[in-house]
Amino acid sequence: VQLQASGGGLVQAGGCLRLSCAASGRTFSNVAMGWFCQAPGKEREFVSAIGWRGRTTSYADSVKGRFTISRDNAKNTVYLQMNSLKAEDTAVYYCAARSKPWVDELGSGYDYWGQGTLVTVSS
């Protein structure tokens, strides 16, 4: 699976962004997808994940109520709608795919990773 993340950029605190991750190379509809982030000097962290049907989702406590993950299997794309952004959301965001249909909050559970897209939130 090849993953291409996009949608990052510079936004003011309180603003919003929508990240996209386009997948290719294998059947997308039966794999779970996740978003992770890594801020400078910090370890990679789980952000959100979605099951293969889109019915099951998981969020880090820090983004609950602000971020929404979704997927369009017809377009082989997963999205992360990021609202009410905070300066501490600044990081490189990576999408990932796992060869299982259910969600996982551990990065080690994912088999494929995109190249990352930078989100910078100014305060």
C-alpha atoms as a PDB file:
ATOM      1  CA  VAL A   1       0.000   0.000   0.000  1.00  0.00           C
ATOM      2  CA  GLN A   2       1.267   3.440  -0.930  1.00  0.00           C
ATOM      3  CA  LEU A   3      -0.028   6.347   1.131  1.00  0.00           C
ATOM      4  CA  GLN A   4       0.063  10.006   0.169  1.00  0.00           C
ATOM      5  CA  ALA A   5      -0.862  12.521   2.862  1.00  0.00           C
ATOM      6  CA  SER A   6      -1.771  16.112   2.073  1.00  0.00           C
ATOM      7  CA  GLY A   7      -3.584  19.106   3.487  1.00  0.00           C
ATOM      8  CA  GLY A   8      -1.117  20.387   6.037  1.00  0.00           C
ATOM      9  CA  GLY A   9      -0.210  24.036   6.336  1.00  0.00           C
ATOM     10  CA  LEU A  10      -0.011  27.088   8.549  1.00  0.00           C
ATOM     11  CA  VAL A  11      -3.122  28.107  10.438  1.00  0.00           C
ATOM     12  CA  GLN A  12      -3.909  30.363  13.364  1.00  0.00           C
ATOM     13  CA  ALA A  13      -5.027  28.952  16.674  1.00  0.00           C
ATOM     14  CA  GLY A  14      -8.734  28.262  16.585  1.00  0.00           C
ATOM     15  CA  GLY A  15      -8.649  27.580  12.877  1.00  0.00           C
ATOM     16  CA  CYS A  16      -9.202  24.339  11.013  1.00  0.00           C
ATOM     17  CA  LEU A  17      -7.568  22.082   8.462  1.00  0.00           C
ATOM     18  CA  ARG A  18      -8.565  18.894   6.714  1.00  0.00           C
ATOM     19  CA  LEU A  19      -5.900  16.316   6.062  1.00  0.00           C
ATOM     20  CA  SER A  20      -6.309  13.709   3.351  1.00  0.00           C
ATOM     21  CA  CYS A  21      -4.537  10.426   2.806  1.00  0.00           C
ATOM     22  CA  ALA A  22      -4.885   8.727  -0.548  1.00  0.00           C
ATOM     23  CA  ALA A  23      -4.089   5.018  -0.692  1.00  0.00           C
ATOM     24  CA  SER A  24      -3.141   2.852  -3.632  1.00  0.00           C
ATOM     25  CA  GLY A  25      -1.689  -0.559  -4.308  1.00  0.00           C
ATOM     26  CA  ARG A  26      -4.131  -2.950  -2.672  1.00  0.00           C
ATOM     27  CA  THR A  27      -7.688  -3.249  -1.549  1.00  0.00           C
ATOM     28  CA  PHE A  28      -8.308  -0.265   0.668  1.00  0.00           C
ATOM     29  CA  SER A  29     -11.767  -1.072   1.890  1.00  0.00           C
ATOM     30  CA  ASN A  30     -10.713  -3.912   4.206  1.00  0.00           C
ATOM     31  CA  VAL A  31      -7.886  -2.201   6.064  1.00  0.00           C
ATOM     32  CA  ALA A  32      -7.992   0.038   9.116  1.00  0.00           C
ATOM     33  CA  MET A  33      -6.363   3.441   8.862  1.00  0.00           C
ATOM     34  CA  GLY A  34      -4.774   5.704  11.399  1.00  0.00           C
ATOM     35  CA  TRP A  35      -3.292   9.142  11.889  1.00  0.00           C
ATOM     36  CA  PHE A  36      -0.250   9.777  14.043  1.00  0.00           C
ATOM     37  CA  CYS A  37       1.728  12.924  14.732  1.00  0.00           C
ATOM     38  CA  GLN A  38       5.259  13.775  15.738  1.00  0.00           C
ATOM     39  CA  ALA A  39       6.227  17.153  17.143  1.00  0.00           C
ATOM     40  CA  PRO A  40       9.847  18.329  17.146  1.00  0.00           C
ATOM     41  CA  GLY A  41      11.809  16.573  19.852  1.00  0.00           C
ATOM     42  CA  LYS A  42       8.928  14.295  20.758  1.00  0.00           C
ATOM     43  CA  GLU A  43       7.988  10.737  20.029  1.00  0.00           C
ATOM     44  CA  ARG A  44       5.309   9.807  17.529  1.00  0.00           C
ATOM     45  CA  GLU A  45       1.831   9.853  19.062  1.00  0.00           C
ATOM     46  CA  PHE A  46      -1.477   8.324  18.146  1.00  0.00           C
ATOM     47  CA  VAL A  47      -4.117  10.780  16.955  1.00  0.00           C
ATOM     48  CA  SER A  48      -7.021   8.806  15.522  1.00  0.00           C
ATOM     49  CA  ALA A  49      -7.973   5.590  13.756  1.00  0.00           C
ATOM     50  CA  ILE A  50     -10.895   4.234  11.791  1.00  0.00           C
ATOM     51  CA  GLY A  51     -12.006   0.702  11.029  1.00  0.00           C
ATOM     52  CA  TRP A  52     -12.485  -0.693   7.580  1.00  0.00           C
ATOM     53  CA  ARG A  53     -16.179   0.113   7.362  1.00  0.00           C
ATOM     54  CA  GLY A  54     -15.833   3.508   8.989  1.00  0.00           C
ATOM     55  CA  ARG A  55     -18.147   2.500  11.823  1.00  0.00           C
ATOM     56  CA  THR A  56     -15.456   2.231  14.486  1.00  0.00           C
ATOM     57  CA  THR A  57     -13.270   5.165  15.372  1.00  0.00           C
ATOM     58  CA  SER A  58     -10.773   5.973  18.084  1.00  0.00           C
ATOM     59  CA  TYR A  59      -9.269   9.269  19.224  1.00  0.00           C
ATOM     60  CA  ALA A  60      -6.507  10.427  21.505  1.00  0.00           C
ATOM     61  CA  ASP A  61      -7.904  12.274  24.514  1.00  0.00           C
ATOM     62  CA  SER A  62      -6.154  15.449  23.410  1.00  0.00           C
ATOM     63  CA  VAL A  63      -8.175  15.662  20.182  1.00  0.00           C
ATOM     64  CA  LYS A  64     -11.554  14.299  21.201  1.00  0.00           C
ATOM     65  CA  GLY A  65     -14.311  16.723  20.300  1.00  0.00           C
ATOM     66  CA  ARG A  66     -12.023  18.671  17.954  1.00  0.00           C
ATOM     67  CA  PHE A  67     -10.871  16.172  15.326  1.00  0.00           C
ATOM     68  CA  THR A  68     -12.995  13.859  13.205  1.00  0.00           C
ATOM     69  CA  ILE A  69     -11.707  10.943  11.176  1.00  0.00           C
ATOM     70  CA  SER A  70     -13.617   9.604   8.198  1.00  0.00           C
ATOM     71  CA  ARG A  71     -13.022   7.553   5.076  1.00  0.00           C
ATOM     72  CA  ASP A  72     -14.358   7.191   1.579  1.00  0.00           C
ATOM     73  CA  ASN A  73     -13.628   3.681   0.370  1.00  0.00           C
ATOM     74  CA  ALA A  74     -14.802   4.528  -3.130  1.00  0.00           C
ATOM     75  CA  LYS A  75     -12.014   7.114  -3.321  1.00  0.00           C
ATOM     76  CA  ASN A  76      -9.469   5.106  -1.315  1.00  0.00           C
ATOM     77  CA  THR A  77      -9.055   8.106   0.937  1.00  0.00           C
ATOM     78  CA  VAL A  78      -9.115   8.771   4.663  1.00  0.00           C
ATOM     79  CA  TYR A  79      -9.604  12.235   6.109  1.00  0.00           C
ATOM     80  CA  LEU A  80      -8.835  14.009   9.355  1.00  0.00           C
ATOM     81  CA  GLN A  81     -10.914  17.106   9.970  1.00  0.00           C
ATOM     82  CA  MET A  82      -9.083  19.226  12.505  1.00  0.00           C
ATOM     83  CA  ASN A  83     -11.079  21.983  14.203  1.00  0.00           C
ATOM     84  CA  SER A  84     -10.290  24.383  17.041  1.00  0.00           C
ATOM     85  CA  LEU A  85      -6.600  23.907  16.439  1.00  0.00           C
ATOM     86  CA  LYS A  86      -4.159  24.694  19.195  1.00  0.00           C
ATOM     87  CA  ALA A  87      -0.470  25.561  19.112  1.00  0.00           C
ATOM     88  CA  GLU A  88       0.269  22.184  20.701  1.00  0.00           C
ATOM     89  CA  ASP A  89      -1.236  20.449  17.647  1.00  0.00           C
ATOM     90  CA  THR A  90       1.796  21.584  15.652  1.00  0.00           C
ATOM     91  CA  ALA A  91       3.478  18.468  14.293  1.00  0.00           C
ATOM     92  CA  VAL A  92       4.091  16.355  11.233  1.00  0.00           C
ATOM     93  CA  TYR A  93       1.023  14.202  10.699  1.00  0.00           C
ATOM     94  CA  TYR A  94       1.388  10.732   9.225  1.00  0.00           C
ATOM     95  CA  CYS A  95      -1.292   8.435   7.911  1.00  0.00           C
ATOM     96  CA  ALA A  96      -0.858   4.713   8.286  1.00  0.00           C
ATOM     97  CA  ALA A  97      -2.584   1.531   7.157  1.00  0.00           C
ATOM     98  CA  ARG A  98      -2.721  -1.842   8.836  1.00  0.00           C
ATOM     99  CA  SER A  99      -3.450  -5.228   7.283  1.00  0.00           C
ATOM    100  CA  LYS A 100      -6.321  -5.820   9.678  1.00  0.00           C
ATOM    101  CA  PRO A 101      -9.813  -4.322   9.575  1.00  0.00           C
ATOM    102  CA  TRP A 102     -10.043  -3.151  13.195  1.00  0.00           C
ATOM    103  CA  VAL A 103      -8.490  -0.071  14.784  1.00  0.00           C
ATOM    104  CA  ASP A 104      -5.240   0.027  16.733  1.00  0.00           C
ATOM    105  CA  GLU A 105      -3.782   2.904  18.738  1.00  0.00           C
ATOM    106  CA  LEU A 106      -0.243   1.565  18.607  1.00  0.00           C
ATOM    107  CA  GLY A 107       2.034   2.552  15.774  1.00  0.00           C
ATOM    108  CA  SER A 108       3.555  -0.909  15.818  1.00  0.00           C
ATOM    109  CA  GLY A 109       0.213  -2.235  14.638  1.00  0.00           C
ATOM    110  CA  TYR A 110       0.507  -0.506  11.275  1.00  0.00           C
ATOM    111  CA  ASP A 111       2.251  -1.916   8.244  1.00  0.00           C
ATOM    112  CA  TYR A 112       2.345   1.023   5.848  1.00  0.00           C
ATOM    113  CA  TRP A 113       3.143   4.695   6.402  1.00  0.00           C
ATOM    114  CA  GLY A 114       2.797   7.837   4.349  1.00  0.00           C
ATOM    115  CA  GLN A 115       5.418  10.543   4.091  1.00  0.00           C
ATOM    116  CA  GLY A 116       3.791  13.002   6.493  1.00  0.00           C
ATOM    117  CA  THR A 117       2.334  16.461   6.147  1.00  0.00           C
ATOM    118  CA  LEU A 118       3.314  19.394   8.358  1.00  0.00           C
ATOM    119  CA  VAL A 119       0.690  21.220  10.405  1.00  0.00           C
ATOM    120  CA  THR A 120       1.785  24.455  12.040  1.00  0.00           C
ATOM    121  CA  VAL A 121      -0.582  26.291  14.366  1.00  0.00           C
ATOM    122  CA  SER A 122       0.391  29.806  15.331  1.00  0.00           C
ATOM    123  CA  SER A 123      -0.755  31.217  18.646  1.00  0.00           C
END
